[in-house]
Structures are given as structure tokens and as C-alpha cells.
Amino acid sequence: MPHLKLDAVPVDPRYTADGITPIIAEIRRERRVELFMEGFRYNDLRRWKQGKKMLIPTLGIRWDAAAIARYAKANVQTSVDPVSKNTYVDVYKGTDWANPVFDEAKHYLWPVPLNNLAQNPALKQNPGW
């Protein structure tokens, strides 16, 4: 991997409106890539107050003529990306995760367990729960 030059950090255009420096965006992107499928993404997005990213559709590989030829016998659900207008494999179409929900007023906090609320009447439940 090439060395990262702090004075010229490449930034993914999808992360320019996050209000963070390019180096922080690159560190978070690298963490997303390195820890793929290890169960850290949800907690990272909550910790960074970036829950709105969970509402962005997750698209798989581009579904072009080469992919159609290669996977001719596959039963594939596809969607068109509204930004690039390219067709991609829609990895969640037809599942419970097809329409993600993240309520900014609620989902940054876990609910306080009911047995804790019952034991201590001074405790208040987190908003939305």
C-alpha cells in the first residue's frame, strides 16, 4: 500500500459533506474496508454520529453485459443507482433489509433494560424507546 501524504489526501466524493477532515475520512474508509464483515460497522456509524449512512442503499457489483454473460444462470435482483444511472446487483432486494430504518432521535442510544427501570424509579428511558 502506498504511503499516505497528509498534504494531499484523496477523498471519496461521497464523504465530502460529512464535515470532517480528509484524513479522518480516509481513516474511517480504511477501517470500513479492513473490518468488513466483522460486525463493527453499525457501532462505528453510531459512534461517529453517521447513522444516516445506513439509509444509503447497498449495491453489489455492476450488472453490465460482461457480468450478465459470466453469471447467465444466476437469479439476480438488480437496481439502478440514481446517481450514476448504472445497474448494480441489489444485495438486499426482497429481504427484510431492503428498506433500512434509522431514526436519528432514537437509534443512537440503546433502550434501558426494563428490569433496571423497575429496580430504580429515578432512571428514565432513553428517548423513543
C-alpha atoms as a PDB file:
ATOM      1  CA  MET A   1       0.000   0.000   0.000  1.00  0.00           C
ATOM      2  CA  PRO A   2       1.441   3.422  -0.896  1.00  0.00           C
ATOM      3  CA  HIS A   3       2.260   5.924   1.819  1.00  0.00           C
ATOM      4  CA  LEU A   4      -0.445   8.467   2.567  1.00  0.00           C
ATOM      5  CA  LYS A   5       0.689  12.054   2.006  1.00  0.00           C
ATOM      6  CA  LEU A   6      -1.015  14.218   4.610  1.00  0.00           C
ATOM      7  CA  ASP A   7      -0.977  17.302   2.403  1.00  0.00           C
ATOM      8  CA  ALA A   8      -2.791  15.542  -0.472  1.00  0.00           C
ATOM      9  CA  VAL A   9      -5.218  13.007   0.957  1.00  0.00           C
ATOM     10  CA  PRO A  10      -7.588  11.617  -1.699  1.00  0.00           C
ATOM     11  CA  VAL A  11     -11.216  11.932  -0.618  1.00  0.00           C
ATOM     12  CA  ASP A  12     -14.140   9.837  -1.759  1.00  0.00           C
ATOM     13  CA  PRO A  13     -16.734  12.350  -3.027  1.00  0.00           C
ATOM     14  CA  ARG A  14     -19.436  10.556  -1.037  1.00  0.00           C
ATOM     15  CA  TYR A  15     -17.790  11.732   2.195  1.00  0.00           C
ATOM     16  CA  THR A  16     -17.030  15.383   1.407  1.00  0.00           C
ATOM     17  CA  ALA A  17     -20.235  16.647   3.088  1.00  0.00           C
ATOM     18  CA  ASP A  18     -19.613  14.848   6.406  1.00  0.00           C
ATOM     19  CA  GLY A  19     -17.928  17.860   7.990  1.00  0.00           C
ATOM     20  CA  ILE A  20     -14.674  16.020   8.755  1.00  0.00           C
ATOM     21  CA  THR A  21     -11.117  16.426   7.517  1.00  0.00           C
ATOM     22  CA  PRO A  22      -9.932  14.330   4.562  1.00  0.00           C
ATOM     23  CA  ILE A  23      -7.523  12.380   6.808  1.00  0.00           C
ATOM     24  CA  ILE A  24     -10.339  11.361   9.178  1.00  0.00           C
ATOM     25  CA  ALA A  25     -12.479  10.363   6.180  1.00  0.00           C
ATOM     26  CA  GLU A  26      -9.605   8.208   4.886  1.00  0.00           C
ATOM     27  CA  ILE A  27      -9.054   6.577   8.300  1.00  0.00           C
ATOM     28  CA  ARG A  28     -12.767   5.746   8.559  1.00  0.00           C
ATOM     29  CA  ARG A  29     -12.824   4.411   4.993  1.00  0.00           C
ATOM     30  CA  GLU A  30      -9.819   2.196   5.712  1.00  0.00           C
ATOM     31  CA  ARG A  31     -11.466   0.931   8.915  1.00  0.00           C
ATOM     32  CA  ARG A  32     -14.611   0.104   6.913  1.00  0.00           C
ATOM     33  CA  VAL A  33     -12.550  -1.878   4.394  1.00  0.00           C
ATOM     34  CA  GLU A  34     -10.238  -3.637   6.888  1.00  0.00           C
ATOM     35  CA  LEU A  35     -13.034  -4.705   9.251  1.00  0.00           C
ATOM     36  CA  PHE A  36     -15.525  -5.755   6.587  1.00  0.00           C
ATOM     37  CA  MET A  37     -17.928  -8.469   7.824  1.00  0.00           C
ATOM     38  CA  GLU A  38     -16.548  -8.365  11.383  1.00  0.00           C
ATOM     39  CA  GLY A  39     -19.565  -6.641  12.936  1.00  0.00           C
ATOM     40  CA  PHE A  40     -18.093  -3.221  13.735  1.00  0.00           C
ATOM     41  CA  ARG A  41     -19.798  -1.037  11.117  1.00  0.00           C
ATOM     42  CA  TYR A  42     -23.075  -0.361  12.957  1.00  0.00           C
ATOM     43  CA  ASN A  43     -21.313   0.692  16.168  1.00  0.00           C
ATOM     44  CA  ASP A  44     -18.786   2.790  14.221  1.00  0.00           C
ATOM     45  CA  LEU A  45     -21.561   4.700  12.454  1.00  0.00           C
ATOM     46  CA  ARG A  46     -23.354   5.276  15.755  1.00  0.00           C
ATOM     47  CA  ARG A  47     -20.158   6.426  17.490  1.00  0.00           C
ATOM     48  CA  TRP A  48     -19.365   8.874  14.667  1.00  0.00           C
ATOM     49  CA  LYS A  49     -22.987  10.139  14.532  1.00  0.00           C
ATOM     50  CA  GLN A  50     -23.242   8.957  10.910  1.00  0.00           C
ATOM     51  CA  GLY A  51     -26.408   6.856  11.210  1.00  0.00           C
ATOM     52  CA  LYS A  52     -27.831   8.469   8.068  1.00  0.00           C
ATOM     53  CA  LYS A  53     -25.289   6.428   6.077  1.00  0.00           C
ATOM     54  CA  MET A  54     -27.288   3.303   6.928  1.00  0.00           C
ATOM     55  CA  LEU A  55     -30.122   4.660   4.794  1.00  0.00           C
ATOM     56  CA  ILE A  56     -27.954   4.698   1.655  1.00  0.00           C
ATOM     57  CA  PRO A  57     -28.732   1.616  -0.457  1.00  0.00           C
ATOM     58  CA  THR A  58     -26.013  -1.028  -0.525  1.00  0.00           C
ATOM     59  CA  LEU A  59     -25.294  -2.110  -4.069  1.00  0.00           C
ATOM     60  CA  GLY A  60     -23.161  -5.023  -5.214  1.00  0.00           C
ATOM     61  CA  ILE A  61     -21.198  -5.451  -8.423  1.00  0.00           C
ATOM     62  CA  ARG A  62     -22.077  -3.536 -11.561  1.00  0.00           C
ATOM     63  CA  TRP A  63     -24.507  -5.581 -13.647  1.00  0.00           C
ATOM     64  CA  ASP A  64     -23.278  -4.932 -17.178  1.00  0.00           C
ATOM     65  CA  ALA A  65     -23.013  -7.121 -20.289  1.00  0.00           C
ATOM     66  CA  ALA A  66     -19.861  -8.861 -19.005  1.00  0.00           C
ATOM     67  CA  ALA A  67     -21.498  -9.743 -15.674  1.00  0.00           C
ATOM     68  CA  ILE A  68     -24.669 -10.966 -17.400  1.00  0.00           C
ATOM     69  CA  ALA A  69     -22.575 -13.231 -19.635  1.00  0.00           C
ATOM     70  CA  ARG A  70     -20.489 -14.518 -16.733  1.00  0.00           C
ATOM     71  CA  TYR A  71     -23.470 -15.230 -14.455  1.00  0.00           C
ATOM     72  CA  ALA A  72     -26.040 -16.131 -17.106  1.00  0.00           C
ATOM     73  CA  LYS A  73     -27.737 -18.801 -14.980  1.00  0.00           C
ATOM     74  CA  ALA A  74     -27.860 -16.744 -11.783  1.00  0.00           C
ATOM     75  CA  ASN A  75     -31.120 -15.426 -10.398  1.00  0.00           C
ATOM     76  CA  VAL A  76     -30.081 -11.849  -9.630  1.00  0.00           C
ATOM     77  CA  GLN A  77     -32.054  -8.880  -8.306  1.00  0.00           C
ATOM     78  CA  THR A  78     -30.824  -5.594  -9.762  1.00  0.00           C
ATOM     79  CA  SER A  79     -31.425  -1.897  -9.210  1.00  0.00           C
ATOM     80  CA  VAL A  80     -30.366   1.266 -10.990  1.00  0.00           C
ATOM     81  CA  ASP A  81     -28.204   3.658  -8.977  1.00  0.00           C
ATOM     82  CA  PRO A  82     -29.979   7.035  -9.082  1.00  0.00           C
ATOM     83  CA  VAL A  83     -26.666   8.920  -9.072  1.00  0.00           C
ATOM     84  CA  SER A  84     -24.578   7.046 -11.663  1.00  0.00           C
ATOM     85  CA  LYS A  85     -27.523   5.535 -13.608  1.00  0.00           C
ATOM     86  CA  ASN A  86     -25.626   2.212 -13.728  1.00  0.00           C
ATOM     87  CA  THR A  87     -27.296  -1.104 -12.959  1.00  0.00           C
ATOM     88  CA  TYR A  88     -25.983  -2.981  -9.934  1.00  0.00           C
ATOM     89  CA  VAL A  89     -26.795  -6.191  -8.121  1.00  0.00           C
ATOM     90  CA  ASP A  90     -29.195  -5.245  -5.325  1.00  0.00           C
ATOM     91  CA  VAL A  91     -27.943  -7.426  -2.493  1.00  0.00           C
ATOM     92  CA  TYR A  92     -30.898  -6.749  -0.175  1.00  0.00           C
ATOM     93  CA  LYS A  93     -33.831  -6.613  -2.613  1.00  0.00           C
ATOM     94  CA  GLY A  94     -36.603  -8.899  -1.434  1.00  0.00           C
ATOM     95  CA  THR A  95     -35.226  -9.202   2.129  1.00  0.00           C
ATOM     96  CA  ASP A  96     -36.083  -7.575   5.447  1.00  0.00           C
ATOM     97  CA  TRP A  97     -33.140  -5.197   4.945  1.00  0.00           C
ATOM     98  CA  ALA A  98     -34.372  -3.806   1.608  1.00  0.00           C
ATOM     99  CA  ASN A  99     -35.701  -0.634   3.291  1.00  0.00           C
ATOM    100  CA  PRO A 100     -33.352   0.280   6.140  1.00  0.00           C
ATOM    101  CA  VAL A 101     -34.623   2.418   9.006  1.00  0.00           C
ATOM    102  CA  PHE A 102     -32.531   4.668  11.223  1.00  0.00           C
ATOM    103  CA  ASP A 103     -34.248   7.209  13.463  1.00  0.00           C
ATOM    104  CA  GLU A 104     -31.670   9.843  14.472  1.00  0.00           C
ATOM    105  CA  ALA A 105     -33.721  10.776  17.554  1.00  0.00           C
ATOM    106  CA  LYS A 106     -33.804   7.181  18.792  1.00  0.00           C
ATOM    107  CA  HIS A 107     -31.203   4.796  17.414  1.00  0.00           C
ATOM    108  CA  TYR A 108     -28.018   6.423  18.713  1.00  0.00           C
ATOM    109  CA  LEU A 109     -28.934   5.093  22.173  1.00  0.00           C
ATOM    110  CA  TRP A 110     -29.923   1.614  23.327  1.00  0.00           C
ATOM    111  CA  PRO A 111     -33.061   1.212  25.439  1.00  0.00           C
ATOM    112  CA  VAL A 112     -32.541   0.994  29.179  1.00  0.00           C
ATOM    113  CA  PRO A 113     -33.473  -2.572  30.219  1.00  0.00           C
ATOM    114  CA  LEU A 114     -36.901  -2.838  31.868  1.00  0.00           C
ATOM    115  CA  ASN A 115     -35.532  -4.641  34.930  1.00  0.00           C
ATOM    116  CA  ASN A 116     -33.160  -1.683  35.564  1.00  0.00           C
ATOM    117  CA  LEU A 117     -36.063   0.748  35.272  1.00  0.00           C
ATOM    118  CA  ALA A 118     -38.100  -1.370  37.699  1.00  0.00           C
ATOM    119  CA  GLN A 119     -35.257  -1.512  40.242  1.00  0.00           C
ATOM    120  CA  ASN A 120     -34.532   2.226  40.120  1.00  0.00           C
ATOM    121  CA  PRO A 121     -37.538   4.527  39.638  1.00  0.00           C
ATOM    122  CA  ALA A 122     -35.197   7.530  39.238  1.00  0.00           C
ATOM    123  CA  LEU A 123     -33.970   6.164  35.887  1.00  0.00           C
ATOM    124  CA  LYS A 124     -35.617   7.447  32.739  1.00  0.00           C
ATOM    125  CA  GLN A 125     -35.959   5.517  29.486  1.00  0.00           C
ATOM    126  CA  ASN A 126     -33.953   6.811  26.547  1.00  0.00           C
ATOM    127  CA  PRO A 127     -35.961   8.920  24.052  1.00  0.00           C
ATOM    128  CA  GLY A 128     -38.066   6.950  21.591  1.00  0.00           C
ATOM    129  CA  TRP A 129     -37.893   3.683  23.494  1.00  0.00           C
END
